[in-house]
PDB file of N, CA and C in Angstrom:
ATOM      1  N   MET A   1      66.748   0.344  -6.060  1.00  0.00           N
ATOM      2  CA  MET A   1      67.857   0.974  -6.742  1.00  0.00           C
ATOM      3  C   MET A   1      67.461   2.319  -7.339  1.00  0.00           C
ATOM      4  N   LYS A   2      66.186   2.476  -7.654  1.00  0.00           N
ATOM      5  CA  LYS A   2      65.749   3.740  -8.226  1.00  0.00           C
ATOM      6  C   LYS A   2      65.947   4.886  -7.236  1.00  0.00           C
ATOM      7  N   ALA A   3      65.744   4.622  -5.952  1.00  0.00           N
ATOM      8  CA  ALA A   3      65.931   5.659  -4.932  1.00  0.00           C
ATOM      9  C   ALA A   3      67.398   6.076  -4.850  1.00  0.00           C
ATOM     10  N   VAL A   4      68.316   5.114  -4.934  1.00  0.00           N
ATOM     11  CA  VAL A   4      69.744   5.423  -4.893  1.00  0.00           C
ATOM     12  C   VAL A   4      70.123   6.266  -6.111  1.00  0.00           C
ATOM     13  N   HIS A   5      69.597   5.897  -7.256  1.00  0.00           N
ATOM     14  CA  HIS A   5      69.859   6.658  -8.478  1.00  0.00           C
ATOM     15  C   HIS A   5      69.355   8.097  -8.336  1.00  0.00           C
ATOM     16  N   MET A   6      68.170   8.271  -7.785  1.00  0.00           N
ATOM     17  CA  MET A   6      67.601   9.609  -7.634  1.00  0.00           C
ATOM     18  C   MET A   6      68.436  10.452  -6.670  1.00  0.00           C
ATOM     19  N   VAL A   7      68.877   9.868  -5.563  1.00  0.00           N
ATOM     20  CA  VAL A   7      69.721  10.593  -4.609  1.00  0.00           C
ATOM     21  C   VAL A   7      71.041  10.977  -5.268  1.00  0.00           C
ATOM     22  N   ALA A   8      71.637  10.040  -5.999  1.00  0.00           N
ATOM     23  CA  ALA A   8      72.898  10.321  -6.685  1.00  0.00           C
ATOM     24  C   ALA A   8      72.706  11.422  -7.726  1.00  0.00           C
ATOM     25  N   PHE A   9      71.611  11.393  -8.443  1.00  0.00           N
ATOM     26  CA  PHE A   9      71.335  12.409  -9.454  1.00  0.00           C
ATOM     27  C   PHE A   9      71.175  13.788  -8.811  1.00  0.00           C
ATOM     28  N   ILE A  10      70.460  13.860  -7.710  1.00  0.00           N
ATOM     29  CA  ILE A  10      70.265  15.130  -7.008  1.00  0.00           C
ATOM     30  C   ILE A  10      71.602  15.662  -6.501  1.00  0.00           C
ATOM     31  N   LEU A  11      72.441  14.781  -5.952  1.00  0.00           N
ATOM     32  CA  LEU A  11      73.761  15.205  -5.484  1.00  0.00           C
ATOM     33  C   LEU A  11      74.612  15.721  -6.640  1.00  0.00           C
ATOM     34  N   LEU A  12      74.526  15.062  -7.788  1.00  0.00           N
ATOM     35  CA  LEU A  12      75.269  15.531  -8.961  1.00  0.00           C
ATOM     36  C   LEU A  12      74.756  16.891  -9.438  1.00  0.00           C
ATOM     37  N   ALA A  13      73.462  17.092  -9.377  1.00  0.00           N
ATOM     38  CA  ALA A  13      72.901  18.386  -9.777  1.00  0.00           C
ATOM     39  C   ALA A  13      73.384  19.479  -8.826  1.00  0.00           C
ATOM     40  N   ILE A  14      73.385  19.212  -7.540  1.00  0.00           N
ATOM     41  CA  ILE A  14      73.874  20.186  -6.561  1.00  0.00           C
ATOM     42  C   ILE A  14      75.352  20.468  -6.800  1.00  0.00           C
ATOM     43  N   GLY A  15      76.133  19.419  -7.044  1.00  0.00           N
ATOM     44  CA  GLY A  15      77.551  19.601  -7.319  1.00  0.00           C
ATOM     45  C   GLY A  15      77.793  20.411  -8.583  1.00  0.00           C
ATOM     46  N   GLY A  16      77.010  20.140  -9.613  1.00  0.00           N
ATOM     47  CA  GLY A  16      77.144  20.899 -10.855  1.00  0.00           C
ATOM     48  C   GLY A  16      76.782  22.361 -10.680  1.00  0.00           C
ATOM     49  N   LEU A  17      75.727  22.624  -9.939  1.00  0.00           N
ATOM     50  CA  LEU A  17      75.344  24.011  -9.676  1.00  0.00           C
ATOM     51  C   LEU A  17      76.395  24.717  -8.824  1.00  0.00           C
ATOM     52  N   ASN A  18      77.003  23.981  -7.909  1.00  0.00           N
ATOM     53  CA  ASN A  18      78.081  24.553  -7.097  1.00  0.00           C
ATOM     54  C   ASN A  18      79.251  24.953  -7.989  1.00  0.00           C
ATOM     55  N   TRP A  19      79.637  24.085  -8.924  1.00  0.00           N
ATOM     56  CA  TRP A  19      80.744  24.429  -9.826  1.00  0.00           C
ATOM     57  C   TRP A  19      80.372  25.600 -10.721  1.00  0.00           C
ATOM     58  N   LEU A  20      79.119  25.697 -11.122  1.00  0.00           N
ATOM     59  CA  LEU A  20      78.665  26.849 -11.898  1.00  0.00           C
ATOM     60  C   LEU A  20      78.836  28.130 -11.080  1.00  0.00           C
ATOM     61  N   ALA A  21      78.446  28.087  -9.820  1.00  0.00           N
ATOM     62  CA  ALA A  21      78.574  29.261  -8.951  1.00  0.00           C
ATOM     63  C   ALA A  21      80.042  29.625  -8.734  1.00  0.00           C
ATOM     64  N   VAL A  22      80.903  28.625  -8.582  1.00  0.00           N
ATOM     65  CA  VAL A  22      82.337  28.887  -8.417  1.00  0.00           C
ATOM     66  C   VAL A  22      82.892  29.559  -9.669  1.00  0.00           C
ATOM     67  N   GLY A  23      82.558  29.041 -10.828  1.00  0.00           N
ATOM     68  CA  GLY A  23      83.085  29.581 -12.069  1.00  0.00           C
ATOM     69  C   GLY A  23      82.505  30.929 -12.441  1.00  0.00           C
ATOM     70  N   ALA A  24      81.217  31.119 -12.212  1.00  0.00           N
ATOM     71  CA  ALA A  24      80.552  32.335 -12.660  1.00  0.00           C
ATOM     72  C   ALA A  24      80.738  33.509 -11.700  1.00  0.00           C
ATOM     73  N   ILE A  25      80.616  33.229 -10.406  1.00  0.00           N
ATOM     74  CA  ILE A  25      80.651  34.348  -9.449  1.00  0.00           C
ATOM     75  C   ILE A  25      81.663  34.166  -8.328  1.00  0.00           C
ATOM     76  N   GLY A  26      82.424  33.070  -8.365  1.00  0.00           N
ATOM     77  CA  GLY A  26      83.459  32.852  -7.360  1.00  0.00           C
ATOM     78  C   GLY A  26      82.926  32.497  -5.984  1.00  0.00           C
ATOM     79  N   TRP A  27      81.728  31.932  -5.920  1.00  0.00           N
ATOM     80  CA  TRP A  27      81.119  31.574  -4.645  1.00  0.00           C
ATOM     81  C   TRP A  27      81.013  30.063  -4.542  1.00  0.00           C
ATOM     82  N   ASP A  28      81.509  29.500  -3.432  1.00  0.00           N
ATOM     83  CA  ASP A  28      81.512  28.055  -3.217  1.00  0.00           C
ATOM     84  C   ASP A  28      80.544  27.709  -2.100  1.00  0.00           C
ATOM     85  N   LEU A  29      79.639  26.775  -2.364  1.00  0.00           N
ATOM     86  CA  LEU A  29      78.673  26.330  -1.359  1.00  0.00           C
ATOM     87  C   LEU A  29      79.371  25.797  -0.114  1.00  0.00           C
ATOM     88  N   GLY A  30      80.545  25.221  -0.297  1.00  0.00           N
ATOM     89  CA  GLY A  30      81.300  24.694   0.833  1.00  0.00           C
ATOM     90  C   GLY A  30      81.702  25.761   1.836  1.00  0.00           C
ATOM     91  N   ASP A  31      81.746  27.018   1.409  1.00  0.00           N
ATOM     92  CA  ASP A  31      82.068  28.105   2.329  1.00  0.00           C
ATOM     93  C   ASP A  31      81.031  28.243   3.437  1.00  0.00           C
ATOM     94  N   LEU A  32      79.798  27.843   3.166  1.00  0.00           N
ATOM     95  CA  LEU A  32      78.756  27.897   4.189  1.00  0.00           C
ATOM     96  C   LEU A  32      79.036  26.923   5.333  1.00  0.00           C
ATOM     97  N   PHE A  33      79.803  25.894   5.055  1.00  0.00           N
ATOM     98  CA  PHE A  33      80.088  24.863   6.047  1.00  0.00           C
ATOM     99  C   PHE A  33      81.499  24.971   6.608  1.00  0.00           C
ATOM    100  N   GLY A  34      82.121  26.113   6.457  1.00  0.00           N
ATOM    101  CA  GLY A  34      83.426  26.338   7.046  1.00  0.00           C
ATOM    102  C   GLY A  34      84.585  26.303   6.085  1.00  0.00           C
ATOM    103  N   GLY A  35      84.334  26.300   4.798  1.00  0.00           N
ATOM    104  CA  GLY A  35      85.409  26.286   3.817  1.00  0.00           C
ATOM    105  C   GLY A  35      85.863  24.881   3.474  1.00  0.00           C
ATOM    106  N   GLN A  36      86.837  24.794   2.574  1.00  0.00           N
ATOM    107  CA  GLN A  36      87.266  23.490   2.067  1.00  0.00           C
ATOM    108  C   GLN A  36      87.987  22.637   3.104  1.00  0.00           C
ATOM    109  N   ASP A  37      88.532  23.255   4.135  1.00  0.00           N
ATOM    110  CA  ASP A  37      89.247  22.484   5.144  1.00  0.00           C
ATOM    111  C   ASP A  37      88.341  21.942   6.244  1.00  0.00           C
ATOM    112  N   ALA A  38      87.100  22.383   6.307  1.00  0.00           N
ATOM    113  CA  ALA A  38      86.176  21.920   7.337  1.00  0.00           C
ATOM    114  C   ALA A  38      85.728  20.486   7.042  1.00  0.00           C
ATOM    115  N   LEU A  39      85.557  19.724   8.091  1.00  0.00           N
ATOM    116  CA  LEU A  39      85.152  18.326   7.946  1.00  0.00           C
ATOM    117  C   LEU A  39      83.814  18.197   7.228  1.00  0.00           C
ATOM    118  N   ALA A  40      82.854  19.075   7.542  1.00  0.00           N
ATOM    119  CA  ALA A  40      81.542  18.997   6.906  1.00  0.00           C
ATOM    120  C   ALA A  40      81.651  19.214   5.397  1.00  0.00           C
ATOM    121  N   SER A  41      82.428  20.202   4.989  1.00  0.00           N
ATOM    122  CA  SER A  41      82.594  20.464   3.557  1.00  0.00           C
ATOM    123  C   SER A  41      83.288  19.306   2.854  1.00  0.00           C
ATOM    124  N   ARG A  42      84.322  18.783   3.481  1.00  0.00           N
ATOM    125  CA  ARG A  42      85.042  17.654   2.882  1.00  0.00           C
ATOM    126  C   ARG A  42      84.127  16.447   2.745  1.00  0.00           C
ATOM    127  N   ALA A  43      83.281  16.209   3.740  1.00  0.00           N
ATOM    128  CA  ALA A  43      82.339  15.088   3.673  1.00  0.00           C
ATOM    129  C   ALA A  43      81.355  15.283   2.525  1.00  0.00           C
ATOM    130  N   ILE A  44      80.870  16.509   2.345  1.00  0.00           N
ATOM    131  CA  ILE A  44      79.941  16.795   1.251  1.00  0.00           C
ATOM    132  C   ILE A  44      80.616  16.562  -0.092  1.00  0.00           C
ATOM    133  N   TYR A  45      81.850  17.033  -0.234  1.00  0.00           N
ATOM    134  CA  TYR A  45      82.573  16.838  -1.496  1.00  0.00           C
ATOM    135  C   TYR A  45      82.783  15.352  -1.778  1.00  0.00           C
ATOM    136  N   VAL A  46      83.091  14.579  -0.754  1.00  0.00           N
ATOM    137  CA  VAL A  46      83.299  13.135  -0.934  1.00  0.00           C
ATOM    138  C   VAL A  46      81.993  12.459  -1.346  1.00  0.00           C
ATOM    139  N   VAL A  47      80.889  12.813  -0.711  1.00  0.00           N
ATOM    140  CA  VAL A  47      79.599  12.199  -1.036  1.00  0.00           C
ATOM    141  C   VAL A  47      79.188  12.544  -2.469  1.00  0.00           C
ATOM    142  N   VAL A  48      79.393  13.790  -2.887  1.00  0.00           N
ATOM    143  CA  VAL A  48      79.065  14.176  -4.264  1.00  0.00           C
ATOM    144  C   VAL A  48      79.963  13.430  -5.244  1.00  0.00           C
ATOM    145  N   GLY A  49      81.237  13.282  -4.909  1.00  0.00           N
ATOM    146  CA  GLY A  49      82.152  12.520  -5.759  1.00  0.00           C
ATOM    147  C   GLY A  49      81.757  11.054  -5.869  1.00  0.00           C
ATOM    148  N   LEU A  50      81.356  10.458  -4.757  1.00  0.00           N
ATOM    149  CA  LEU A  50      80.898   9.068  -4.787  1.00  0.00           C
ATOM    150  C   LEU A  50      79.622   8.925  -5.616  1.00  0.00           C
ATOM    151  N   ALA A  51      78.759   9.931  -5.562  1.00  0.00           N
ATOM    152  CA  ALA A  51      77.552   9.908  -6.394  1.00  0.00           C
ATOM    153  C   ALA A  51      77.924   9.928  -7.866  1.00  0.00           C
ATOM    154  N   ALA A  52      78.941  10.711  -8.222  1.00  0.00           N
ATOM    155  CA  ALA A  52      79.386  10.763  -9.609  1.00  0.00           C
ATOM    156  C   ALA A  52      79.934   9.412 -10.056  1.00  0.00           C
ATOM    157  N   ILE A  53      80.738   8.785  -9.206  1.00  0.00           N
ATOM    158  CA  ILE A  53      81.285   7.464  -9.538  1.00  0.00           C
ATOM    159  C   ILE A  53      80.161   6.455  -9.686  1.00  0.00           C
ATOM    160  N   TYR A  54      79.199   6.499  -8.776  1.00  0.00           N
ATOM    161  CA  TYR A  54      78.050   5.583  -8.863  1.00  0.00           C
ATOM    162  C   TYR A  54      77.329   5.762 -10.186  1.00  0.00           C
ATOM    163  N   GLU A  55      77.051   7.003 -10.559  1.00  0.00           N
ATOM    164  CA  GLU A  55      76.318   7.254 -11.793  1.00  0.00           C
ATOM    165  C   GLU A  55      77.125   6.826 -13.019  1.00  0.00           C
ATOM    166  N   LEU A  56      78.427   6.987 -12.972  1.00  0.00           N
ATOM    167  CA  LEU A  56      79.265   6.542 -14.095  1.00  0.00           C
ATOM    168  C   LEU A  56      79.158   5.042 -14.343  1.00  0.00           C
ATOM    169  N   PHE A  57      79.181   4.279 -13.261  1.00  0.00           N
ATOM    170  CA  PHE A  57      79.217   2.828 -13.406  1.00  0.00           C
ATOM    171  C   PHE A  57      77.844   2.186 -13.388  1.00  0.00           C
ATOM    172  N   ALA A  58      76.836   2.864 -12.852  1.00  0.00           N
ATOM    173  CA  ALA A  58      75.498   2.279 -12.786  1.00  0.00           C
ATOM    174  C   ALA A  58      74.620   2.721 -13.937  1.00  0.00           C
ATOM    175  N   HIS A  59      75.075   3.702 -14.719  1.00  0.00           N
ATOM    176  CA  HIS A  59      74.266   4.217 -15.822  1.00  0.00           C
ATOM    177  C   HIS A  59      74.132   3.167 -16.921  1.00  0.00           C
ATOM    178  N   LYS A  60      72.915   2.988 -17.362  1.00  0.00           N
ATOM    179  CA  LYS A  60      72.648   2.031 -18.443  1.00  0.00           C
ATOM    180  C   LYS A  60      72.261   2.805 -19.694  1.00  0.00           C
ATOM    181  N   SER A  61      72.853   2.462 -20.800  1.00  0.00           N
ATOM    182  CA  SER A  61      72.574   3.151 -22.068  1.00  0.00           C
ATOM    183  C   SER A  61      71.204   2.808 -22.602  1.00  0.00           C
TER     184      SER A  61
END
């Protein structure tokens, strides 16, 4: 389970940095994969979102 947590954490960090880039300079990492409508970008967004859900429910105080 520690490996799953680490992968989810890394995905969340990448997602957070992507949102920082969008907010600060208007650049989206998803543009490298064809924009928001491209299947690859949508898959990445879904995986990062699932990582966030996993971390929300698997996090132990």
